[in-house]
Amino acid sequence: MPQNPLAPIIVTALLAQADFAWFDALRRQHYPAARNQVPVHLTLFHHLPPSALERLRRMLSAEVRTTVAPVARIVRPISLGQGVAFAVESPGLAGIRSRLADAMDGQLLPQDLAAWRPHITIQNKVAPAEARALLRELAAAWRPRPIGISGLAAYWYRGGPWQPIAEWRFSRSGPSRRS
């Protein structure tokens, strides 16, 4: 597939199939349909330079080969002001992101240099009152729960739906770099 050298790269963690289905159903229910151009996702990096693609491919491939799929959990629904997301805790995924960020060596933009606050957005671009109502509804019965992280993925961002570059799946039997 031809590459657009001006298109930035987005990197996400892939959710286990059942978790993806649950979050995506919530997103389809609560996200304005006209603005919902990408499936539910857990972003690791928002804007990597296209020149880093081959290096990024090698790094993502090495991570899934040498690291056991990280344990993760959603801890609470959170406000985005004009939307709602679920906060995610995962020391293992944070470690992966940290290693990748260190390896990018000065190529990160401010959004990706800022403290990482992992979350899964299910609503955005709505009136604040609508977002507050959904947050109250979700928080009323909320209990933290585990979610599965099955791999890593990279996409081209060209202003609309993301164009897949590749996916890398964690090996279930591979040795862990971190215990």
Foldseek 3Di string as FASTA:
>chain_A
DDDDQAWFKWKFFDWDPVVQVVLQVLLVVAAPPVAPQEGKTKTLADGFGSVCVVVVVVLQQVCQQAAAFWKKKFAAWDDPQQFIKTWMDTPRVVVSSVVVVVVSPPRGDPVNVPDDTIIITSYGDHHSVSRVVVRCVQRVPDDMDIITGFWMFMFTDDPGHTHGDDIHGHDNPHHRPPD
